Amino acid sequence: MIFFMLILTALVGVPLFCVIGSLGIFAFTRAQIDVSAIIIEMVRLASAPALLAIPLFTFTGYILAESNAPKRLVNFSRALLGNMPGGVPVVAFICCAFFSAFTGVSGVTIIALGGLLYPILVSDNYSGKFSLGLLTSTGSLGVLLPPSLPLILYGVIAETPIDHLFVASVLPAFFLFILLAVYSVSKSLKREQKRQKFSAKELIKTARAAAFEIPLPIVILGGIYSGLFTATEAAAISSAYVVIVEVFVYKDLSLKKDIPAIMQKSMVLVGGILIILGVALGLTNYLIDAQIPMKLLDWMKIYISSKWVFLILLNIFLLVVGCLMDIFSAIIVIVPLIKPIAMSFGVDPVHLGVIFLTNLSIGYCTPPIGMNLFIASSRFDKPIIDLYKATIPFLLIFIAGLIVITYCPWLSLWLTSLIFGTH
């Protein structure tokens, strides 16, 4: 009865950390175990070195979003690709994915870039419906791009090497980019969209304007993949770098006025993640002690004998979870339950991470209550029904990509095998 009462409180809007914490306290008390076990898990969490990457990368993303970096990078990308068929949509979804990778929240990207990219797409004769669908859904691709916060959080929760996840997500993300690019080109060719004439002068001009921001992802990813520094060290380097560039080089932000406000805004997001993470780890500890995952596995083996059937059910389940929960809560709550079951079916934990995050990124824009749909409805002042209709083509593309990513594990594991000699 208490369990169902807590679920009911979650449905009526009680903060998730209160619900999870209450479940943990109730479970430990019922098992006559000291509830200090929850605090012990929080201490263990605080000592995890990889955890430092979350606030640092979040801060980096918010600095970039609050500065004029989006405008400079969009201008550069448009000068580079705008002359190609479908070039402007490609520019739009690459920029959206890039900023979501750093902020960790695609909703922030919709707010930061929507007002800039939507008029550009419409002025290039792309329909309002296509433009809305693209800007609402494609930012969630940033979940699969290093240094994505969900990737880092998944690595912490699943105890999976974060650098392996960073590498494993590259080809799946690139594959989804190709699918979106093909769709964008087909829309451009059918409607004969006007294209920007290529200008070497404009390309050089925009490249110079963004000269200090273009190398950022190359430095971070190159350093991690080459072994020069860890993900946490990359986070520290990137946060220090963007402060220097945006405050002292471009002077978009004030060190005294803007930086403290951005720190506060970004750490509110991080604080929410850490609170949920702390109480969820306590509950997870109980679930493992009570052998709940093993009991679930025994139950599933009665009805499911095939790895492929398990993956189908996993995808359906995660699409629903991604629609109902924010991605950070879903990772914290669901991963400890799913991982042992998936491994018993022979699913590689790194491949599982890519499947998990692809599903949850799709959930952001899945009707009826995907988070991005409501953020975009507010940002563009459009009825939510219009957003449902606009995102359906992109949703179908993502699901097609998800099927390939799920049933072709080499897409996720080939690079990790090549670089790390694993899998």
Protein backbone atom coordinates (compact mmCIF):
# COMPACT_ATOMS: atom_id res chain seq x y z
CA MET A 1 0.00 0.00 0.00
CA ILE A 2 2.83 2.39 0.86
CA PHE A 3 4.55 1.56 -2.44
CA PHE A 4 1.45 2.43 -4.48
CA MET A 5 0.90 5.58 -2.45
CA LEU A 6 4.42 6.73 -3.33
CA ILE A 7 3.82 6.01 -7.02
CA LEU A 8 0.63 8.06 -6.79
CA THR A 9 2.50 10.98 -5.24
CA ALA A 10 4.97 10.88 -8.18
CA LEU A 11 2.08 11.05 -10.66
CA VAL A 12 0.64 14.14 -8.96
CA GLY A 13 3.96 15.99 -9.13
CA VAL A 14 5.95 15.22 -5.97
CA PRO A 15 9.71 15.60 -6.77
CA LEU A 16 11.23 12.33 -7.93
CA PHE A 17 14.06 12.39 -5.38
CA CYS A 18 11.46 12.50 -2.57
CA VAL A 19 9.66 9.48 -4.01
CA ILE A 20 12.86 7.46 -4.58
CA GLY A 21 14.28 8.42 -1.19
CA SER A 22 11.04 7.45 0.55
CA LEU A 23 11.00 4.10 -1.26
CA GLY A 24 14.58 3.47 -0.16
CA ILE A 25 13.87 4.35 3.49
CA PHE A 26 10.71 2.23 3.46
CA ALA A 27 12.51 -0.75 1.88
CA PHE A 28 15.49 -0.68 4.26
CA THR A 29 13.23 -0.18 7.30
CA ARG A 30 11.01 -3.07 6.27
CA ALA A 31 14.10 -5.28 5.85
CA GLN A 32 15.33 -4.11 9.30
CA ILE A 33 18.49 -2.59 7.81
CA ASP A 34 19.85 0.73 9.05
CA VAL A 35 18.84 3.52 6.63
CA SER A 36 22.38 4.91 6.89
CA ALA A 37 23.03 2.58 3.92
CA ILE A 38 21.58 5.35 1.74
CA ILE A 39 24.09 7.88 3.11
CA ILE A 40 26.94 5.40 2.58
CA GLU A 41 25.99 5.22 -1.10
CA MET A 42 26.01 9.03 -1.30
CA VAL A 43 29.55 9.08 0.14
CA ARG A 44 30.63 6.46 -2.41
CA LEU A 45 29.09 8.56 -5.16
CA ALA A 46 30.91 11.69 -4.01
CA SER A 47 34.24 9.87 -4.24
CA ALA A 48 33.73 8.80 -7.89
CA PRO A 49 36.33 10.71 -9.97
CA ALA A 50 34.22 10.61 -13.15
CA LEU A 51 31.45 12.53 -11.40
CA LEU A 52 33.44 15.76 -11.63
CA ALA A 53 32.96 15.76 -15.40
CA ILE A 54 29.20 16.35 -15.07
CA PRO A 55 29.23 19.87 -13.51
CA LEU A 56 32.23 20.96 -15.57
CA PHE A 57 30.78 19.94 -18.95
CA THR A 58 27.38 21.39 -17.95
CA PHE A 59 29.04 24.70 -17.12
CA THR A 60 30.88 24.61 -20.46
CA GLY A 61 27.64 24.07 -22.35
CA TYR A 62 25.80 26.86 -20.58
CA ILE A 63 28.68 29.29 -21.21
CA LEU A 64 28.55 28.51 -24.94
CA ALA A 65 24.74 28.79 -25.05
CA GLU A 66 24.68 32.15 -23.26
CA SER A 67 27.39 33.70 -25.46
CA ASN A 68 27.27 34.48 -29.17
CA ALA A 69 28.98 31.16 -29.95
CA PRO A 70 25.79 29.64 -31.46
CA LYS A 71 25.51 32.49 -33.95
CA ARG A 72 29.17 32.31 -34.97
CA LEU A 73 29.12 28.53 -35.39
CA VAL A 74 25.85 28.60 -37.36
CA ASN A 75 27.28 31.26 -39.70
CA PHE A 76 30.41 29.17 -40.23
CA SER A 77 28.47 25.95 -40.83
CA ARG A 78 26.12 27.70 -43.23
CA ALA A 79 29.02 29.16 -45.22
CA LEU A 80 30.56 25.68 -45.39
CA LEU A 81 27.46 23.59 -46.20
CA GLY A 82 24.74 26.05 -47.22
CA ASN A 83 25.40 25.60 -50.95
CA MET A 84 24.61 21.85 -50.79
CA PRO A 85 21.09 20.45 -51.29
CA GLY A 86 19.60 20.26 -47.81
CA GLY A 87 22.65 22.07 -46.47
CA VAL A 88 20.79 24.45 -44.17
CA PRO A 89 18.84 21.69 -42.34
CA VAL A 90 22.09 19.73 -41.99
CA VAL A 91 23.69 22.83 -40.46
CA ALA A 92 20.70 23.18 -38.12
CA PHE A 93 20.69 19.65 -36.75
CA ILE A 94 24.49 19.48 -36.41
CA CYS A 95 24.47 22.72 -34.40
CA CYS A 96 21.56 21.51 -32.25
CA ALA A 97 23.26 18.18 -31.55
CA PHE A 98 26.57 19.90 -30.76
CA PHE A 99 25.05 22.19 -28.15
CA SER A 100 22.94 19.42 -26.62
CA ALA A 101 26.10 17.34 -26.22
CA PHE A 102 27.62 20.06 -24.05
CA THR A 103 24.55 21.20 -22.10
CA GLY A 104 23.21 17.67 -21.62
CA VAL A 105 19.64 18.91 -22.13
CA SER A 106 18.19 19.29 -25.63
CA GLY A 107 15.49 21.58 -24.24
CA VAL A 108 18.16 24.20 -23.55
CA THR A 109 19.25 23.89 -27.18
CA ILE A 110 15.71 24.53 -28.44
CA ILE A 111 15.54 27.68 -26.34
CA ALA A 112 19.06 28.88 -27.23
CA LEU A 113 19.10 28.07 -30.97
CA GLY A 114 15.42 27.94 -31.93
CA GLY A 115 15.05 31.69 -32.40
CA LEU A 116 18.21 31.77 -34.52
CA LEU A 117 17.67 28.71 -36.74
CA TYR A 118 13.91 28.76 -37.34
CA PRO A 119 13.91 32.04 -39.34
CA ILE A 120 16.92 30.80 -41.36
CA LEU A 121 15.12 27.58 -42.34
CA VAL A 122 11.87 29.39 -43.22
CA SER A 123 13.71 32.08 -45.20
CA ASP A 124 15.29 29.27 -47.28
CA ASN A 125 11.74 28.11 -48.21
CA TYR A 126 11.58 25.13 -45.88
CA SER A 127 8.07 24.63 -44.54
CA GLY A 128 7.23 25.65 -41.00
CA LYS A 129 6.20 22.07 -40.23
CA PHE A 130 9.56 20.64 -41.39
CA SER A 131 11.50 23.36 -39.55
CA LEU A 132 9.60 22.80 -36.30
CA GLY A 133 10.06 19.04 -36.48
CA LEU A 134 13.77 19.33 -37.15
CA LEU A 135 14.48 21.80 -34.34
CA THR A 136 12.30 19.94 -31.85
CA SER A 137 13.73 16.48 -32.41
CA THR A 138 17.31 16.63 -33.66
CA GLY A 139 18.87 18.29 -30.62
CA SER A 140 18.33 15.03 -28.74
CA LEU A 141 21.03 13.46 -30.95
CA GLY A 142 23.51 15.26 -28.71
CA VAL A 143 22.85 12.54 -26.13
CA LEU A 144 25.04 10.25 -28.28
CA LEU A 145 27.81 12.77 -28.88
CA PRO A 146 30.77 13.10 -26.50
CA PRO A 147 31.02 14.75 -24.03
CA SER A 148 27.31 14.05 -23.44
CA LEU A 149 26.34 14.17 -19.76
CA PRO A 150 23.95 11.20 -20.11
CA LEU A 151 26.85 9.16 -21.53
CA ILE A 152 28.98 10.05 -18.51
CA LEU A 153 26.16 9.35 -16.08
CA TYR A 154 25.43 5.99 -17.72
CA GLY A 155 29.10 5.08 -17.35
CA VAL A 156 29.03 5.97 -13.64
CA ILE A 157 25.82 4.05 -12.92
CA ALA A 158 26.60 1.00 -15.09
CA GLU A 159 30.29 0.97 -14.05
CA THR A 160 31.25 0.99 -17.72
CA PRO A 161 34.38 2.82 -18.98
CA ILE A 162 33.28 6.29 -20.09
CA ASP A 163 35.96 6.56 -22.77
CA HIS A 164 34.64 3.29 -24.30
CA LEU A 165 31.12 4.76 -24.35
CA PHE A 166 32.39 7.95 -25.97
CA VAL A 167 34.01 5.93 -28.75
CA ALA A 168 31.11 3.47 -29.14
CA SER A 169 28.54 6.23 -29.65
CA VAL A 170 30.33 7.92 -32.55
CA LEU A 171 29.31 5.60 -35.42
CA PRO A 172 25.66 5.24 -34.27
CA ALA A 173 25.38 9.04 -34.04
CA PHE A 174 26.99 9.40 -37.47
CA PHE A 175 24.57 6.83 -38.88
CA LEU A 176 21.58 8.80 -37.56
CA PHE A 177 23.12 11.98 -39.02
CA ILE A 178 23.28 10.30 -42.44
CA LEU A 179 19.61 9.28 -42.24
CA LEU A 180 18.61 12.83 -41.34
CA ALA A 181 20.83 14.28 -44.07
CA VAL A 182 19.25 12.00 -46.70
CA TYR A 183 15.78 13.08 -45.58
CA SER A 184 16.79 16.76 -45.64
CA VAL A 185 18.29 16.46 -49.12
CA SER A 186 15.14 14.73 -50.39
CA LYS A 187 13.00 17.56 -49.02
CA SER A 188 15.29 20.10 -50.66
CA LEU A 189 15.23 18.40 -54.08
CA LYS A 190 11.45 17.90 -54.09
CA ARG A 191 10.66 21.50 -53.25
CA GLU A 192 13.61 23.09 -55.05
CA GLN A 193 14.76 25.08 -52.06
CA LYS A 194 17.01 27.98 -52.84
CA ARG A 195 20.61 27.41 -51.93
CA GLN A 196 23.21 29.80 -50.68
CA LYS A 197 25.98 30.36 -53.20
CA PHE A 198 29.34 29.13 -51.96
CA SER A 199 31.78 31.93 -51.18
CA ALA A 200 35.35 31.23 -50.13
CA LYS A 201 35.55 34.78 -48.81
CA GLU A 202 32.49 34.24 -46.57
CA LEU A 203 33.83 30.88 -45.38
CA ILE A 204 37.16 32.42 -44.38
CA LYS A 205 35.39 35.33 -42.69
CA THR A 206 33.10 33.11 -40.60
CA ALA A 207 35.94 30.69 -39.82
CA ARG A 208 38.00 33.56 -38.45
CA ALA A 209 35.05 34.76 -36.40
CA ALA A 210 34.65 31.32 -34.79
CA ALA A 211 38.35 30.45 -34.81
CA PHE A 212 38.54 29.91 -31.05
CA GLU A 213 35.36 27.81 -30.84
CA ILE A 214 35.70 25.47 -33.83
CA PRO A 215 38.68 23.53 -32.33
CA LEU A 216 36.91 22.84 -29.00
CA PRO A 217 35.29 19.45 -29.84
CA ILE A 218 38.40 18.38 -31.76
CA VAL A 219 40.67 19.11 -28.79
CA ILE A 220 38.35 17.38 -26.31
CA LEU A 221 37.68 14.25 -28.35
CA GLY A 222 41.22 14.05 -29.71
CA GLY A 223 42.66 14.29 -26.22
CA ILE A 224 40.34 11.61 -24.81
CA TYR A 225 40.74 9.18 -27.71
CA SER A 226 44.51 9.59 -27.84
CA GLY A 227 44.82 8.98 -24.11
CA LEU A 228 46.33 12.43 -23.52
CA PHE A 229 43.77 13.15 -20.80
CA THR A 230 40.71 11.58 -19.18
CA ALA A 231 37.09 12.68 -19.59
CA THR A 232 37.26 14.51 -16.24
CA GLU A 233 40.45 16.32 -17.24
CA ALA A 234 38.85 17.17 -20.60
CA ALA A 235 35.90 18.69 -18.74
CA ALA A 236 38.20 20.88 -16.65
CA ILE A 237 40.17 22.00 -19.71
CA SER A 238 37.03 22.80 -21.73
CA SER A 239 35.38 24.81 -18.93
CA ALA A 240 38.50 26.90 -18.35
CA TYR A 241 38.97 27.35 -22.11
CA VAL A 242 35.43 28.60 -22.83
CA VAL A 243 35.57 31.08 -19.93
CA ILE A 244 38.80 32.55 -21.29
CA VAL A 245 37.49 32.65 -24.87
CA GLU A 246 33.99 34.02 -24.22
CA VAL A 247 35.01 36.49 -21.49
CA PHE A 248 38.45 37.73 -22.51
CA VAL A 249 38.73 37.02 -26.25
CA TYR A 250 35.21 37.63 -27.63
CA LYS A 251 34.04 39.59 -24.58
CA ASP A 252 30.48 38.26 -25.00
CA LEU A 253 30.16 37.72 -21.25
CA SER A 254 31.11 39.66 -18.16
CA LEU A 255 33.24 37.89 -15.56
CA LYS A 256 31.51 39.70 -12.69
CA LYS A 257 27.93 39.87 -13.98
CA ASP A 258 27.30 36.93 -16.32
CA ILE A 259 29.59 34.13 -15.12
CA PRO A 260 28.13 33.88 -11.56
CA ALA A 261 24.58 33.81 -13.00
CA ILE A 262 25.54 31.07 -15.46
CA MET A 263 27.21 29.11 -12.68
CA GLN A 264 24.01 29.28 -10.65
CA LYS A 265 21.79 28.29 -13.57
CA SER A 266 23.95 25.36 -14.67
CA MET A 267 24.48 24.03 -11.15
CA VAL A 268 20.73 23.95 -10.51
CA LEU A 269 20.56 21.27 -13.23
CA VAL A 270 23.58 19.44 -11.80
CA GLY A 271 22.19 19.65 -8.26
CA GLY A 272 18.95 18.05 -9.39
CA ILE A 273 20.86 15.21 -11.03
CA LEU A 274 23.05 14.59 -7.99
CA ILE A 275 20.14 14.58 -5.52
CA ILE A 276 18.26 11.98 -7.58
CA LEU A 277 21.47 10.02 -8.11
CA GLY A 278 22.30 9.95 -4.40
CA VAL A 279 18.94 8.62 -3.22
CA ALA A 280 18.58 6.28 -6.21
CA LEU A 281 21.89 4.57 -5.46
CA GLY A 282 20.64 3.86 -1.95
CA LEU A 283 17.47 2.25 -3.34
CA THR A 284 19.53 0.37 -5.93
CA ASN A 285 21.70 -1.03 -3.15
CA TYR A 286 18.58 -2.48 -1.52
CA LEU A 287 17.30 -3.91 -4.82
CA ILE A 288 20.61 -5.68 -5.40
CA ASP A 289 20.73 -7.02 -1.81
CA ALA A 290 17.15 -8.28 -2.23
CA GLN A 291 18.16 -9.88 -5.57
CA ILE A 292 15.36 -8.10 -7.41
CA PRO A 293 17.24 -8.10 -10.77
CA MET A 294 17.85 -11.84 -10.46
CA LYS A 295 14.19 -12.48 -9.66
CA LEU A 296 13.18 -10.40 -12.68
CA LEU A 297 15.63 -12.39 -14.79
CA ASP A 298 14.22 -15.70 -13.59
CA TRP A 299 10.70 -14.48 -14.40
CA MET A 300 11.74 -13.26 -17.87
CA LYS A 301 13.50 -16.53 -18.72
CA ILE A 302 10.18 -18.33 -18.31
CA TYR A 303 8.65 -16.25 -21.11
CA ILE A 304 11.68 -15.01 -23.10
CA SER A 305 14.36 -17.32 -24.44
CA SER A 306 15.74 -15.25 -27.34
CA LYS A 307 18.16 -12.35 -27.11
CA TRP A 308 16.41 -10.67 -30.05
CA VAL A 309 12.96 -10.87 -28.44
CA PHE A 310 14.48 -9.38 -25.28
CA LEU A 311 15.92 -6.49 -27.29
CA ILE A 312 12.55 -5.80 -28.94
CA LEU A 313 10.83 -5.64 -25.56
CA LEU A 314 13.71 -3.55 -24.16
CA ASN A 315 13.31 -0.98 -26.94
CA ILE A 316 9.55 -0.72 -26.42
CA PHE A 317 10.01 -0.38 -22.67
CA LEU A 318 12.73 2.28 -22.98
CA LEU A 319 10.76 4.33 -25.51
CA VAL A 320 7.92 4.50 -22.98
CA VAL A 321 10.34 5.33 -20.15
CA GLY A 322 12.03 8.04 -22.24
CA CYS A 323 8.66 9.61 -22.91
CA LEU A 324 7.59 9.60 -19.25
CA MET A 325 10.84 10.39 -17.40
CA ASP A 326 13.70 12.80 -17.92
CA ILE A 327 16.82 11.09 -19.20
CA PHE A 328 18.89 11.49 -16.04
CA SER A 329 16.22 9.97 -13.78
CA ALA A 330 15.67 7.13 -16.25
CA ILE A 331 19.38 6.26 -16.31
CA ILE A 332 19.68 6.34 -12.54
CA VAL A 333 16.56 4.29 -11.84
CA ILE A 334 16.42 1.80 -14.75
CA VAL A 335 20.06 0.95 -15.60
CA PRO A 336 20.82 -1.04 -12.39
CA LEU A 337 17.77 -3.21 -13.05
CA ILE A 338 18.28 -3.71 -16.78
CA LYS A 339 22.05 -4.25 -16.98
CA PRO A 340 22.31 -7.68 -15.27
CA ILE A 341 19.33 -8.97 -17.25
CA ALA A 342 20.79 -7.72 -20.55
CA MET A 343 24.20 -9.23 -19.80
CA SER A 344 22.57 -12.61 -19.08
CA PHE A 345 21.21 -12.49 -22.64
CA GLY A 346 24.72 -11.76 -23.96
CA VAL A 347 24.26 -8.03 -24.63
CA ASP A 348 27.57 -6.18 -24.31
CA PRO A 349 27.36 -3.45 -21.62
CA VAL A 350 28.83 -0.82 -23.96
CA HIS A 351 26.37 -1.74 -26.72
CA LEU A 352 23.59 -1.69 -24.11
CA GLY A 353 24.60 1.87 -23.22
CA VAL A 354 24.24 3.01 -26.83
CA ILE A 355 20.85 1.26 -27.15
CA PHE A 356 19.71 2.75 -23.85
CA LEU A 357 20.67 6.32 -24.71
CA THR A 358 19.35 6.14 -28.28
CA ASN A 359 15.96 5.06 -26.92
CA LEU A 360 15.87 7.79 -24.30
CA SER A 361 16.90 10.46 -26.82
CA ILE A 362 13.95 9.43 -29.01
CA GLY A 363 11.72 9.64 -25.94
CA TYR A 364 12.42 13.38 -25.74
CA CYS A 365 10.25 13.96 -28.83
CA THR A 366 7.80 11.05 -28.55
CA PRO A 367 4.10 12.02 -28.31
CA PRO A 368 2.09 12.54 -26.24
CA ILE A 369 4.32 13.86 -23.43
CA GLY A 370 7.90 13.99 -24.74
CA MET A 371 9.61 16.88 -22.97
CA ASN A 372 10.91 18.58 -26.12
CA LEU A 373 7.40 18.83 -27.57
CA PHE A 374 6.24 21.08 -24.76
CA ILE A 375 9.44 23.14 -24.70
CA ALA A 376 9.19 23.72 -28.47
CA SER A 377 5.48 24.52 -28.19
CA SER A 378 6.32 27.26 -25.70
CA ARG A 379 9.44 28.49 -27.55
CA PHE A 380 7.79 28.80 -30.97
CA ASP A 381 4.30 29.64 -29.64
CA LYS A 382 2.69 26.75 -31.56
CA PRO A 383 -0.12 24.36 -30.49
CA ILE A 384 1.18 21.07 -29.13
CA ILE A 385 -0.80 19.18 -31.81
CA ASP A 386 1.27 20.97 -34.50
CA LEU A 387 4.43 19.72 -32.80
CA TYR A 388 3.09 16.14 -32.77
CA LYS A 389 2.52 16.29 -36.53
CA ALA A 390 5.85 17.97 -37.24
CA THR A 391 7.99 15.46 -35.34
CA ILE A 392 6.42 12.24 -36.70
CA PRO A 393 8.69 11.98 -39.81
CA PHE A 394 11.79 12.50 -37.66
CA LEU A 395 10.50 10.04 -35.08
CA LEU A 396 10.14 7.37 -37.78
CA ILE A 397 13.69 8.06 -38.98
CA PHE A 398 15.03 7.70 -35.44
CA ILE A 399 13.15 4.44 -34.86
CA ALA A 400 14.52 3.02 -38.13
CA GLY A 401 18.01 4.00 -36.98
CA LEU A 402 17.37 2.51 -33.54
CA ILE A 403 16.50 -0.87 -35.10
CA VAL A 404 19.81 -0.93 -36.98
CA ILE A 405 21.78 0.19 -33.91
CA THR A 406 20.10 -2.47 -31.76
CA TYR A 407 20.53 -5.43 -34.09
CA CYS A 408 23.94 -4.51 -35.54
CA PRO A 409 26.17 -4.42 -32.43
CA TRP A 410 29.30 -4.00 -34.56
CA LEU A 411 28.14 -0.43 -35.29
CA SER A 412 28.74 0.38 -31.61
CA LEU A 413 31.63 -1.98 -30.88
CA TRP A 414 33.88 -1.85 -33.94
CA LEU A 415 35.64 1.40 -33.00
CA THR A 416 36.10 0.36 -29.37
CA SER A 417 37.64 -2.89 -30.57
CA LEU A 418 39.93 -0.99 -32.92
CA ILE A 419 41.06 1.59 -30.37
CA PHE A 420 40.98 -0.32 -27.08
CA GLY A 421 41.37 -3.89 -28.34
CA THR A 422 38.20 -5.02 -26.58
CA HIS A 423 34.91 -6.73 -27.55
